[in-house]
Amino acid sequence: IHSPELSVWKSGVVSLDFNGTNDGDRNQSGVAGNFIDSAGDQIDYSIVVKNTGNQELSSLVITDTKLTSGATYTLSIGTYENGIFQPTTPSSSFTVVADSSGHLTLDPTFKLAVGQALELDFTYTVTQGDISGNQLVNTVFADSNLTNPSGPANNDGTDDTDPKDGVSYTTTTIHSPELSVWKSGVVSLDFNGTNDGD
């Protein structure tokens, strides 16, 4: 019985941009919890795509809207068990250029063997537009010649954490509205030939 299956996992680590100040939301190392609060903060994403079925897969496409169009990304080949990616020995990797829609289209001749996994690590720099919302949701999809695109929802539209249905990594936005005002002045004194001590 043929059961092609492609599963996806995604994680992230947030690094905050201090800009020389500490506003109290950030710890001293610059690494915080799962929140962002200013443009320039960075999220280090890690994506793993694994062949969890019983057939070899090809024509893989990984989609992530936070990938930069035209940028080159490195994918490592290995295995993924119990939340740990283990690169092959000797290490094996290849590069792919992202298109304008955030698609990484792998060479169709590449075959992802049963039980084999690919890992993609990249850094995303938060923009002011990201801060305007309450959350920054980043979703990854994966597809192959024998599987349907993995997405973040079930057929009924509800969210699902099953890796076969794609995954999202959500970062909370901390809003800190602040308006600062400075004022200075210069005083000119009229002596009129006397000095009253002031």
N, C-alpha and C. Protein backbone atom coordinates (compact mmCIF):
# COMPACT_ATOMS: atom_id res chain seq x y z
N ILE A 1 0.85 -1.18 0.00
CA ILE A 1 0.00 0.00 0.00
C ILE A 1 0.89 1.23 0.00
N HIS A 2 0.73 2.10 -0.97
CA HIS A 2 1.52 3.31 -1.05
C HIS A 2 0.90 4.40 -0.16
N SER A 3 1.73 4.98 0.69
CA SER A 3 1.28 6.05 1.59
C SER A 3 2.29 7.18 1.59
N PRO A 4 2.34 7.99 0.53
CA PRO A 4 3.27 9.12 0.52
C PRO A 4 2.86 10.15 1.56
N GLU A 5 3.86 10.68 2.27
CA GLU A 5 3.55 11.64 3.33
C GLU A 5 4.75 12.55 3.55
N LEU A 6 4.49 13.83 3.68
CA LEU A 6 5.54 14.83 3.90
C LEU A 6 5.15 15.65 5.12
N SER A 7 6.00 15.69 6.13
CA SER A 7 5.70 16.40 7.37
C SER A 7 6.65 17.59 7.55
N VAL A 8 6.15 18.62 8.24
CA VAL A 8 6.90 19.86 8.41
C VAL A 8 6.88 20.27 9.88
N TRP A 9 8.04 20.73 10.37
CA TRP A 9 8.15 21.30 11.71
C TRP A 9 8.82 22.66 11.60
N LYS A 10 8.45 23.57 12.51
CA LYS A 10 9.06 24.90 12.49
C LYS A 10 9.26 25.40 13.90
N SER A 11 10.39 26.06 14.14
CA SER A 11 10.67 26.66 15.44
C SER A 11 11.34 28.00 15.22
N GLY A 12 11.44 28.78 16.29
CA GLY A 12 12.07 30.09 16.17
C GLY A 12 12.68 30.54 17.48
N VAL A 13 13.70 31.37 17.37
CA VAL A 13 14.34 31.99 18.54
C VAL A 13 14.40 33.49 18.27
N VAL A 14 13.89 34.29 19.21
CA VAL A 14 13.84 35.73 19.04
C VAL A 14 15.06 36.38 19.67
N SER A 15 15.72 37.26 18.92
CA SER A 15 16.82 38.08 19.42
C SER A 15 16.40 39.53 19.30
N LEU A 16 16.43 40.25 20.42
CA LEU A 16 15.97 41.63 20.43
C LEU A 16 17.09 42.61 20.12
N ASP A 17 16.73 43.68 19.45
CA ASP A 17 17.69 44.72 19.05
C ASP A 17 17.70 45.80 20.12
N PHE A 18 18.81 45.92 20.84
CA PHE A 18 18.88 46.86 21.95
C PHE A 18 19.03 48.31 21.52
N ASN A 19 19.73 48.57 20.43
CA ASN A 19 20.01 49.93 20.00
C ASN A 19 20.62 50.77 21.12
N GLY A 20 21.39 50.10 21.98
CA GLY A 20 22.10 50.82 23.03
C GLY A 20 21.29 51.14 24.25
N THR A 21 20.04 50.68 24.31
CA THR A 21 19.20 50.98 25.47
C THR A 21 18.56 49.70 25.98
N ASN A 22 18.04 49.78 27.19
CA ASN A 22 17.29 48.67 27.76
C ASN A 22 16.00 49.24 28.32
N ASP A 23 14.87 48.94 27.68
CA ASP A 23 13.60 49.54 28.09
C ASP A 23 12.87 48.71 29.14
N GLY A 24 13.54 47.69 29.69
CA GLY A 24 12.92 46.90 30.73
C GLY A 24 12.25 45.64 30.23
N ASP A 25 11.95 45.57 28.93
CA ASP A 25 11.31 44.38 28.38
C ASP A 25 12.34 43.31 28.02
N ARG A 26 13.61 43.67 28.01
CA ARG A 26 14.63 42.80 27.44
C ARG A 26 15.65 42.39 28.50
N ASN A 27 16.13 41.19 28.37
CA ASN A 27 17.15 40.79 29.32
C ASN A 27 18.52 41.21 28.80
N GLN A 28 19.53 41.05 29.62
CA GLN A 28 20.84 41.63 29.30
C GLN A 28 21.55 40.96 28.14
N SER A 29 21.17 39.74 27.82
CA SER A 29 21.85 39.04 26.72
C SER A 29 21.27 39.41 25.37
N GLY A 30 20.12 40.08 25.36
CA GLY A 30 19.47 40.42 24.10
C GLY A 30 18.58 39.30 23.59
N VAL A 31 18.53 38.19 24.30
CA VAL A 31 17.67 37.07 23.90
C VAL A 31 16.48 37.04 24.85
N ALA A 32 15.29 36.97 24.29
CA ALA A 32 14.10 37.06 25.12
C ALA A 32 13.18 35.90 24.85
N GLY A 33 11.95 36.04 25.33
CA GLY A 33 10.95 35.01 25.10
C GLY A 33 10.38 35.14 23.70
N ASN A 34 9.15 34.67 23.57
CA ASN A 34 8.51 34.63 22.25
C ASN A 34 7.77 35.93 21.98
N PHE A 35 8.49 37.07 22.00
CA PHE A 35 7.87 38.34 21.68
C PHE A 35 8.85 39.26 20.97
N ILE A 36 8.27 40.21 20.23
CA ILE A 36 9.05 41.25 19.58
C ILE A 36 8.46 42.58 19.98
N ASP A 37 9.28 43.64 20.01
CA ASP A 37 8.73 44.94 20.38
C ASP A 37 9.30 46.11 19.58
N SER A 38 10.16 45.84 18.62
CA SER A 38 10.66 46.95 17.81
C SER A 38 11.23 46.45 16.49
N ALA A 39 11.18 47.32 15.50
CA ALA A 39 11.81 47.01 14.22
C ALA A 39 13.29 46.78 14.46
N GLY A 40 13.85 45.79 13.79
CA GLY A 40 15.26 45.44 13.99
C GLY A 40 15.45 44.20 14.83
N ASP A 41 14.42 43.82 15.62
CA ASP A 41 14.48 42.53 16.32
C ASP A 41 14.61 41.43 15.26
N GLN A 42 15.19 40.31 15.64
CA GLN A 42 15.40 39.23 14.68
C GLN A 42 14.82 37.92 15.19
N ILE A 43 14.32 37.12 14.25
CA ILE A 43 13.81 35.79 14.58
C ILE A 43 14.60 34.78 13.76
N ASP A 44 15.25 33.87 14.44
CA ASP A 44 15.99 32.79 13.78
C ASP A 44 15.05 31.60 13.63
N TYR A 45 14.60 31.37 12.41
CA TYR A 45 13.68 30.28 12.14
C TYR A 45 14.43 29.02 11.74
N SER A 46 13.88 27.88 12.12
CA SER A 46 14.40 26.58 11.69
C SER A 46 13.22 25.75 11.18
N ILE A 47 13.35 25.26 9.96
CA ILE A 47 12.30 24.46 9.32
C ILE A 47 12.86 23.08 9.02
N VAL A 48 12.09 22.05 9.33
CA VAL A 48 12.46 20.68 8.98
C VAL A 48 11.33 20.07 8.16
N VAL A 49 11.67 19.51 7.02
CA VAL A 49 10.73 18.80 6.16
C VAL A 49 11.19 17.35 6.09
N LYS A 50 10.30 16.43 6.42
CA LYS A 50 10.69 15.01 6.49
C LYS A 50 9.73 14.14 5.68
N ASN A 51 10.30 13.16 5.01
CA ASN A 51 9.51 12.15 4.32
C ASN A 51 9.06 11.12 5.35
N THR A 52 7.81 11.24 5.80
CA THR A 52 7.29 10.34 6.83
C THR A 52 6.38 9.26 6.23
N GLY A 53 6.38 9.16 4.91
CA GLY A 53 5.60 8.13 4.25
C GLY A 53 6.43 6.92 3.91
N ASN A 54 5.96 6.13 2.91
CA ASN A 54 6.69 4.92 2.54
C ASN A 54 7.11 4.93 1.06
N GLN A 55 7.15 6.15 0.47
CA GLN A 55 7.60 6.28 -0.91
C GLN A 55 8.60 7.43 -1.05
N GLU A 56 9.55 7.25 -1.95
CA GLU A 56 10.50 8.29 -2.26
C GLU A 56 9.75 9.48 -2.86
N LEU A 57 10.16 10.72 -2.48
CA LEU A 57 9.49 11.93 -2.95
C LEU A 57 10.45 12.80 -3.75
N SER A 58 9.92 13.50 -4.75
CA SER A 58 10.72 14.42 -5.56
C SER A 58 9.90 15.67 -5.86
N SER A 59 10.47 16.58 -6.65
CA SER A 59 9.81 17.85 -7.01
C SER A 59 9.31 18.58 -5.77
N LEU A 60 10.16 18.67 -4.77
CA LEU A 60 9.77 19.31 -3.52
C LEU A 60 9.73 20.83 -3.65
N VAL A 61 8.75 21.44 -3.00
CA VAL A 61 8.63 22.89 -2.92
C VAL A 61 8.36 23.24 -1.46
N ILE A 62 9.18 24.12 -0.90
CA ILE A 62 8.99 24.63 0.46
C ILE A 62 8.60 26.09 0.32
N THR A 63 7.50 26.48 0.97
CA THR A 63 7.00 27.85 0.86
C THR A 63 6.98 28.51 2.23
N ASP A 64 7.57 29.70 2.32
CA ASP A 64 7.58 30.49 3.55
C ASP A 64 7.62 31.95 3.14
N THR A 65 6.61 32.72 3.51
CA THR A 65 6.52 34.11 3.05
C THR A 65 7.56 35.03 3.66
N LYS A 66 8.30 34.57 4.67
CA LYS A 66 9.36 35.40 5.26
C LYS A 66 10.71 35.17 4.57
N LEU A 67 10.75 34.31 3.58
CA LEU A 67 11.97 34.16 2.80
C LEU A 67 12.12 35.37 1.88
N THR A 68 13.34 35.80 1.66
CA THR A 68 13.61 36.98 0.84
C THR A 68 13.72 36.59 -0.63
N SER A 69 12.93 37.25 -1.46
CA SER A 69 12.95 36.98 -2.89
C SER A 69 14.34 37.19 -3.47
N GLY A 70 14.83 36.19 -4.20
CA GLY A 70 16.13 36.28 -4.84
C GLY A 70 17.29 35.87 -3.96
N ALA A 71 17.04 35.64 -2.67
CA ALA A 71 18.11 35.23 -1.76
C ALA A 71 18.38 33.74 -1.90
N THR A 72 19.62 33.34 -1.61
CA THR A 72 20.02 31.94 -1.69
C THR A 72 19.99 31.32 -0.30
N TYR A 73 19.37 30.17 -0.17
CA TYR A 73 19.24 29.48 1.12
C TYR A 73 19.87 28.09 1.03
N THR A 74 20.44 27.66 2.14
CA THR A 74 21.10 26.36 2.22
C THR A 74 20.21 25.36 2.94
N LEU A 75 19.99 24.22 2.34
CA LEU A 75 19.25 23.12 2.97
C LEU A 75 20.21 21.99 3.27
N SER A 76 20.15 21.49 4.50
CA SER A 76 20.99 20.37 4.92
C SER A 76 20.18 19.09 4.86
N ILE A 77 20.84 18.00 4.52
CA ILE A 77 20.20 16.69 4.43
C ILE A 77 20.56 15.87 5.67
N GLY A 78 19.58 15.19 6.23
CA GLY A 78 19.86 14.37 7.40
C GLY A 78 18.63 13.60 7.84
N THR A 79 18.53 13.38 9.16
CA THR A 79 17.38 12.70 9.75
C THR A 79 16.80 13.57 10.86
N TYR A 80 15.56 13.32 11.23
CA TYR A 80 14.89 14.11 12.26
C TYR A 80 14.09 13.17 13.15
N GLU A 81 14.53 13.06 14.39
CA GLU A 81 13.86 12.20 15.36
C GLU A 81 13.78 12.89 16.71
N ASN A 82 12.63 12.82 17.36
CA ASN A 82 12.44 13.36 18.71
C ASN A 82 12.86 14.83 18.81
N GLY A 83 12.55 15.60 17.77
CA GLY A 83 12.83 17.03 17.79
C GLY A 83 14.27 17.41 17.52
N ILE A 84 15.10 16.45 17.09
CA ILE A 84 16.51 16.73 16.84
C ILE A 84 16.86 16.39 15.40
N PHE A 85 17.42 17.39 14.69
CA PHE A 85 17.88 17.16 13.32
C PHE A 85 19.34 16.72 13.38
N GLN A 86 19.64 15.62 12.71
CA GLN A 86 21.01 15.09 12.67
C GLN A 86 21.49 15.08 11.22
N PRO A 87 22.48 15.96 10.88
CA PRO A 87 22.97 15.98 9.50
C PRO A 87 23.64 14.66 9.14
N THR A 88 23.61 14.34 7.87
CA THR A 88 24.31 13.14 7.41
C THR A 88 25.81 13.31 7.59
N THR A 89 26.51 12.19 7.67
CA THR A 89 27.97 12.21 7.80
C THR A 89 28.56 11.46 6.62
N PRO A 90 29.44 12.07 5.81
CA PRO A 90 29.80 13.50 5.91
C PRO A 90 28.62 14.38 5.57
N SER A 91 28.67 15.64 6.04
CA SER A 91 27.54 16.54 5.85
C SER A 91 27.26 16.77 4.37
N SER A 92 25.98 16.90 4.06
CA SER A 92 25.56 17.09 2.68
C SER A 92 24.52 18.20 2.66
N SER A 93 24.70 19.16 1.77
CA SER A 93 23.74 20.26 1.67
C SER A 93 23.74 20.80 0.24
N PHE A 94 22.76 21.62 -0.07
CA PHE A 94 22.68 22.26 -1.37
C PHE A 94 21.96 23.59 -1.20
N THR A 95 22.06 24.46 -2.20
CA THR A 95 21.45 25.78 -2.11
C THR A 95 20.29 25.91 -3.11
N VAL A 96 19.34 26.76 -2.73
CA VAL A 96 18.16 27.03 -3.55
C VAL A 96 17.86 28.53 -3.45
N VAL A 97 17.45 29.14 -4.55
CA VAL A 97 17.10 30.56 -4.57
C VAL A 97 15.59 30.71 -4.42
N ALA A 98 15.16 31.61 -3.52
CA ALA A 98 13.73 31.84 -3.30
C ALA A 98 13.15 32.72 -4.40
N ASP A 99 11.93 32.39 -4.82
CA ASP A 99 11.27 33.24 -5.81
C ASP A 99 10.50 34.35 -5.10
N SER A 100 9.77 35.16 -5.85
CA SER A 100 9.09 36.33 -5.29
C SER A 100 7.93 35.97 -4.35
N SER A 101 7.48 34.72 -4.39
CA SER A 101 6.37 34.28 -3.52
C SER A 101 6.85 33.52 -2.30
N GLY A 102 8.17 33.46 -2.10
CA GLY A 102 8.70 32.72 -0.95
C GLY A 102 8.77 31.23 -1.18
N HIS A 103 8.80 30.81 -2.45
CA HIS A 103 8.91 29.39 -2.77
C HIS A 103 10.37 28.99 -2.96
N LEU A 104 10.76 27.89 -2.36
CA LEU A 104 12.04 27.24 -2.65
C LEU A 104 11.71 25.99 -3.45
N THR A 105 11.97 26.04 -4.75
CA THR A 105 11.67 24.90 -5.62
C THR A 105 12.94 24.10 -5.82
N LEU A 106 12.96 22.89 -5.27
CA LEU A 106 14.15 22.06 -5.36
C LEU A 106 14.28 21.44 -6.74
N ASP A 107 15.50 21.11 -7.11
CA ASP A 107 15.77 20.43 -8.38
C ASP A 107 14.89 19.18 -8.44
N PRO A 108 14.10 19.02 -9.50
CA PRO A 108 13.19 17.86 -9.56
C PRO A 108 13.89 16.51 -9.57
N THR A 109 15.19 16.51 -9.84
CA THR A 109 15.92 15.24 -9.82
C THR A 109 16.31 14.82 -8.40
N PHE A 110 16.20 15.77 -7.43
CA PHE A 110 16.52 15.42 -6.04
C PHE A 110 15.44 14.51 -5.49
N LYS A 111 15.85 13.43 -4.85
CA LYS A 111 14.92 12.46 -4.26
C LYS A 111 15.07 12.48 -2.74
N LEU A 112 13.95 12.69 -2.05
CA LEU A 112 13.93 12.64 -0.59
C LEU A 112 13.50 11.23 -0.19
N ALA A 113 14.46 10.47 0.33
CA ALA A 113 14.21 9.07 0.66
C ALA A 113 13.27 8.95 1.87
N VAL A 114 12.69 7.79 2.02
CA VAL A 114 11.83 7.52 3.17
C VAL A 114 12.65 7.70 4.45
N GLY A 115 12.13 8.48 5.39
CA GLY A 115 12.82 8.75 6.65
C GLY A 115 13.84 9.86 6.58
N GLN A 116 14.14 10.35 5.40
CA GLN A 116 15.13 11.42 5.24
C GLN A 116 14.47 12.78 5.49
N ALA A 117 15.30 13.75 5.93
CA ALA A 117 14.78 15.08 6.26
C ALA A 117 15.69 16.16 5.70
N LEU A 118 15.10 17.33 5.52
CA LEU A 118 15.83 18.53 5.11
C LEU A 118 15.65 19.58 6.20
N GLU A 119 16.72 20.33 6.48
CA GLU A 119 16.64 21.42 7.45
C GLU A 119 17.02 22.72 6.77
N LEU A 120 16.23 23.76 7.05
CA LEU A 120 16.47 25.10 6.53
C LEU A 120 16.49 26.07 7.71
N ASP A 121 17.59 26.78 7.89
CA ASP A 121 17.71 27.80 8.93
C ASP A 121 17.87 29.16 8.27
N PHE A 122 17.13 30.15 8.75
CA PHE A 122 17.30 31.50 8.23
C PHE A 122 16.87 32.52 9.28
N THR A 123 17.33 33.75 9.10
CA THR A 123 17.04 34.84 10.04
C THR A 123 16.14 35.86 9.36
N TYR A 124 15.09 36.26 10.08
CA TYR A 124 14.18 37.29 9.58
C TYR A 124 14.30 38.52 10.47
N THR A 125 14.48 39.69 9.86
CA THR A 125 14.55 40.94 10.60
C THR A 125 13.17 41.61 10.62
N VAL A 126 12.69 41.88 11.81
CA VAL A 126 11.36 42.45 12.02
C VAL A 126 11.30 43.87 11.46
N THR A 127 10.19 44.20 10.79
CA THR A 127 9.98 45.54 10.26
C THR A 127 8.97 46.29 11.12
N GLN A 128 8.86 47.60 10.90
CA GLN A 128 7.87 48.38 11.64
C GLN A 128 6.46 47.92 11.31
N GLY A 129 6.24 47.47 10.07
CA GLY A 129 4.94 46.94 9.70
C GLY A 129 4.56 45.71 10.51
N ASP A 130 5.54 44.88 10.86
CA ASP A 130 5.27 43.70 11.69
C ASP A 130 4.82 44.11 13.09
N ILE A 131 5.39 45.21 13.60
CA ILE A 131 5.09 45.66 14.96
C ILE A 131 3.66 46.20 15.06
N SER A 132 3.11 46.67 13.95
CA SER A 132 1.79 47.29 13.97
C SER A 132 0.69 46.30 14.36
N GLY A 133 0.87 45.01 14.06
CA GLY A 133 -0.12 44.01 14.43
C GLY A 133 0.11 43.49 15.84
N ASN A 134 -0.80 42.61 16.28
CA ASN A 134 -0.67 42.02 17.62
C ASN A 134 0.22 40.79 17.61
N GLN A 135 0.36 40.16 16.43
CA GLN A 135 1.17 38.96 16.31
C GLN A 135 1.85 38.94 14.95
N LEU A 136 2.99 38.29 14.91
CA LEU A 136 3.66 38.01 13.65
C LEU A 136 3.56 36.50 13.44
N VAL A 137 2.71 36.09 12.51
CA VAL A 137 2.48 34.67 12.25
C VAL A 137 3.23 34.29 10.98
N ASN A 138 4.08 33.30 11.07
CA ASN A 138 4.85 32.84 9.92
C ASN A 138 4.55 31.37 9.71
N THR A 139 4.02 31.05 8.53
CA THR A 139 3.59 29.69 8.22
C THR A 139 4.45 29.09 7.11
N VAL A 140 4.79 27.84 7.26
CA VAL A 140 5.56 27.14 6.23
C VAL A 140 4.69 26.01 5.65
N PHE A 141 4.78 25.83 4.34
CA PHE A 141 4.09 24.76 3.63
C PHE A 141 5.13 23.93 2.89
N ALA A 142 4.81 22.67 2.62
CA ALA A 142 5.70 21.83 1.83
C ALA A 142 4.86 20.96 0.91
N ASP A 143 5.41 20.66 -0.26
CA ASP A 143 4.70 19.86 -1.24
C ASP A 143 5.71 19.00 -2.00
N SER A 144 5.22 17.96 -2.65
CA SER A 144 6.09 17.10 -3.46
C SER A 144 5.27 16.53 -4.61
N ASN A 145 5.90 15.67 -5.39
CA ASN A 145 5.22 15.08 -6.55
C ASN A 145 4.08 14.14 -6.16
N LEU A 146 4.10 13.61 -4.94
CA LEU A 146 3.09 12.63 -4.54
C LEU A 146 2.21 13.07 -3.37
N THR A 147 2.44 14.29 -2.88
CA THR A 147 1.65 14.75 -1.74
C THR A 147 0.95 16.05 -2.09
N ASN A 148 -0.15 16.33 -1.39
CA ASN A 148 -0.82 17.62 -1.52
C ASN A 148 -0.07 18.64 -0.69
N PRO A 149 -0.21 19.93 -1.04
CA PRO A 149 0.48 20.94 -0.23
C PRO A 149 0.07 20.84 1.23
N SER A 150 1.04 20.77 2.12
CA SER A 150 0.73 20.75 3.55
C SER A 150 0.40 22.17 3.96
N GLY A 151 -0.69 22.35 4.66
CA GLY A 151 -1.12 23.69 5.06
C GLY A 151 -1.42 23.74 6.54
N PRO A 152 -1.72 24.95 7.08
CA PRO A 152 -1.88 25.11 8.53
C PRO A 152 -3.28 24.80 9.04
N ALA A 153 -4.19 24.30 8.17
CA ALA A 153 -5.56 24.08 8.62
C ALA A 153 -6.10 22.76 8.12
N ASN A 154 -7.08 22.24 8.85
CA ASN A 154 -7.79 21.05 8.41
C ASN A 154 -8.80 21.42 7.33
N ASN A 155 -9.47 20.43 6.79
CA ASN A 155 -10.48 20.70 5.77
C ASN A 155 -11.64 21.54 6.30
N ASP A 156 -11.87 21.49 7.62
CA ASP A 156 -12.97 22.27 8.18
C ASP A 156 -12.53 23.68 8.55
N GLY A 157 -11.27 24.04 8.25
CA GLY A 157 -10.80 25.40 8.50
C GLY A 157 -10.21 25.63 9.88
N THR A 158 -10.24 24.61 10.74
CA THR A 158 -9.68 24.78 12.07
C THR A 158 -8.18 24.54 12.05
N ASP A 159 -7.48 25.22 12.95
CA ASP A 159 -6.03 25.05 13.03
C ASP A 159 -5.68 23.66 13.52
N ASP A 160 -4.49 23.21 13.15
CA ASP A 160 -4.05 21.87 13.51
C ASP A 160 -2.56 21.92 13.76
N THR A 161 -2.10 21.20 14.78
CA THR A 161 -0.68 21.15 15.07
C THR A 161 -0.01 19.92 14.47
N ASP A 162 -0.76 19.12 13.75
CA ASP A 162 -0.20 17.94 13.11
C ASP A 162 0.83 18.38 12.07
N PRO A 163 2.07 17.87 12.14
CA PRO A 163 3.09 18.31 11.19
C PRO A 163 2.77 17.98 9.75
N LYS A 164 1.88 17.04 9.51
CA LYS A 164 1.50 16.72 8.13
C LYS A 164 0.66 17.84 7.52
N ASP A 165 0.11 18.72 8.36
CA ASP A 165 -0.75 19.79 7.87
C ASP A 165 -0.05 21.14 7.84
N GLY A 166 1.28 21.17 7.90
CA GLY A 166 2.01 22.43 7.90
C GLY A 166 1.98 23.06 9.28
N VAL A 167 2.84 24.02 9.50
CA VAL A 167 2.95 24.60 10.83
C VAL A 167 3.18 26.11 10.74
N SER A 168 2.78 26.79 11.82
CA SER A 168 3.01 28.23 11.95
C SER A 168 3.85 28.48 13.19
N TYR A 169 4.65 29.55 13.13
CA TYR A 169 5.37 30.00 14.32
C TYR A 169 4.87 31.40 14.61
N THR A 170 4.27 31.59 15.79
CA THR A 170 3.65 32.87 16.13
C THR A 170 4.49 33.61 17.18
N THR A 171 4.77 34.86 16.89
CA THR A 171 5.51 35.72 17.80
C THR A 171 4.60 36.85 18.24
N THR A 172 4.49 37.09 19.55
CA THR A 172 3.63 38.13 20.08
C THR A 172 4.32 39.49 19.96
N THR A 173 3.54 40.50 19.58
CA THR A 173 4.05 41.86 19.49
C THR A 173 3.72 42.61 20.77
N ILE A 174 4.72 43.22 21.39
CA ILE A 174 4.51 44.05 22.56
C ILE A 174 4.46 45.50 22.10
N HIS A 175 3.32 46.15 22.32
CA HIS A 175 3.18 47.55 21.92
C HIS A 175 3.60 48.45 23.07
N SER A 176 4.47 49.39 22.78
CA SER A 176 4.96 50.34 23.79
C SER A 176 4.87 51.75 23.22
N PRO A 177 3.66 52.29 23.08
CA PRO A 177 3.56 53.64 22.53
C PRO A 177 4.23 54.64 23.47
N GLU A 178 4.95 55.56 22.89
CA GLU A 178 5.69 56.52 23.70
C GLU A 178 5.87 57.80 22.90
N LEU A 179 5.60 58.94 23.53
CA LEU A 179 5.78 60.23 22.91
C LEU A 179 6.64 61.06 23.84
N SER A 180 7.77 61.53 23.36
CA SER A 180 8.69 62.32 24.19
C SER A 180 8.73 63.75 23.68
N VAL A 181 8.85 64.71 24.62
CA VAL A 181 8.91 66.13 24.28
C VAL A 181 10.10 66.76 24.99
N TRP A 182 10.86 67.56 24.27
CA TRP A 182 11.96 68.32 24.85
C TRP A 182 11.74 69.79 24.53
N LYS A 183 12.15 70.67 25.46
CA LYS A 183 12.03 72.10 25.24
C LYS A 183 13.21 72.81 25.87
N SER A 184 13.69 73.81 25.21
CA SER A 184 14.77 74.61 25.77
C SER A 184 14.44 76.08 25.56
N GLY A 185 15.10 76.92 26.28
CA GLY A 185 14.86 78.36 26.17
C GLY A 185 16.09 79.15 26.54
N VAL A 186 16.14 80.38 26.09
CA VAL A 186 17.23 81.31 26.42
C VAL A 186 16.60 82.57 27.00
N VAL A 187 17.08 83.00 28.18
CA VAL A 187 16.55 84.18 28.87
C VAL A 187 17.44 85.38 28.57
N SER A 188 16.83 86.51 28.17
CA SER A 188 17.55 87.77 27.97
C SER A 188 17.12 88.75 29.05
N LEU A 189 18.08 89.28 29.81
CA LEU A 189 17.78 90.18 30.92
C LEU A 189 17.95 91.64 30.49
N ASP A 190 17.07 92.52 30.99
CA ASP A 190 17.14 93.96 30.75
C ASP A 190 17.65 94.63 32.02
N PHE A 191 18.91 95.11 31.97
CA PHE A 191 19.54 95.66 33.19
C PHE A 191 19.12 97.09 33.48
N ASN A 192 18.95 97.94 32.51
CA ASN A 192 18.59 99.33 32.72
C ASN A 192 19.53 100.04 33.68
N GLY A 193 20.79 99.65 33.67
CA GLY A 193 21.80 100.37 34.48
C GLY A 193 21.82 99.99 35.93
N THR A 194 21.00 99.03 36.37
CA THR A 194 21.00 98.63 37.78
C THR A 194 21.17 97.13 37.89
N ASN A 195 21.54 96.68 39.06
CA ASN A 195 21.65 95.24 39.33
C ASN A 195 20.95 94.97 40.63
N ASP A 196 19.80 94.29 40.55
CA ASP A 196 19.03 94.05 41.77
C ASP A 196 19.33 92.70 42.41
N GLY A 197 20.40 92.02 41.92
CA GLY A 197 20.80 90.74 42.53
C GLY A 197 20.23 89.53 41.87
N ASP A 198 19.29 89.69 40.95
CA ASP A 198 18.72 88.55 40.26
C ASP A 198 19.50 88.22 39.02
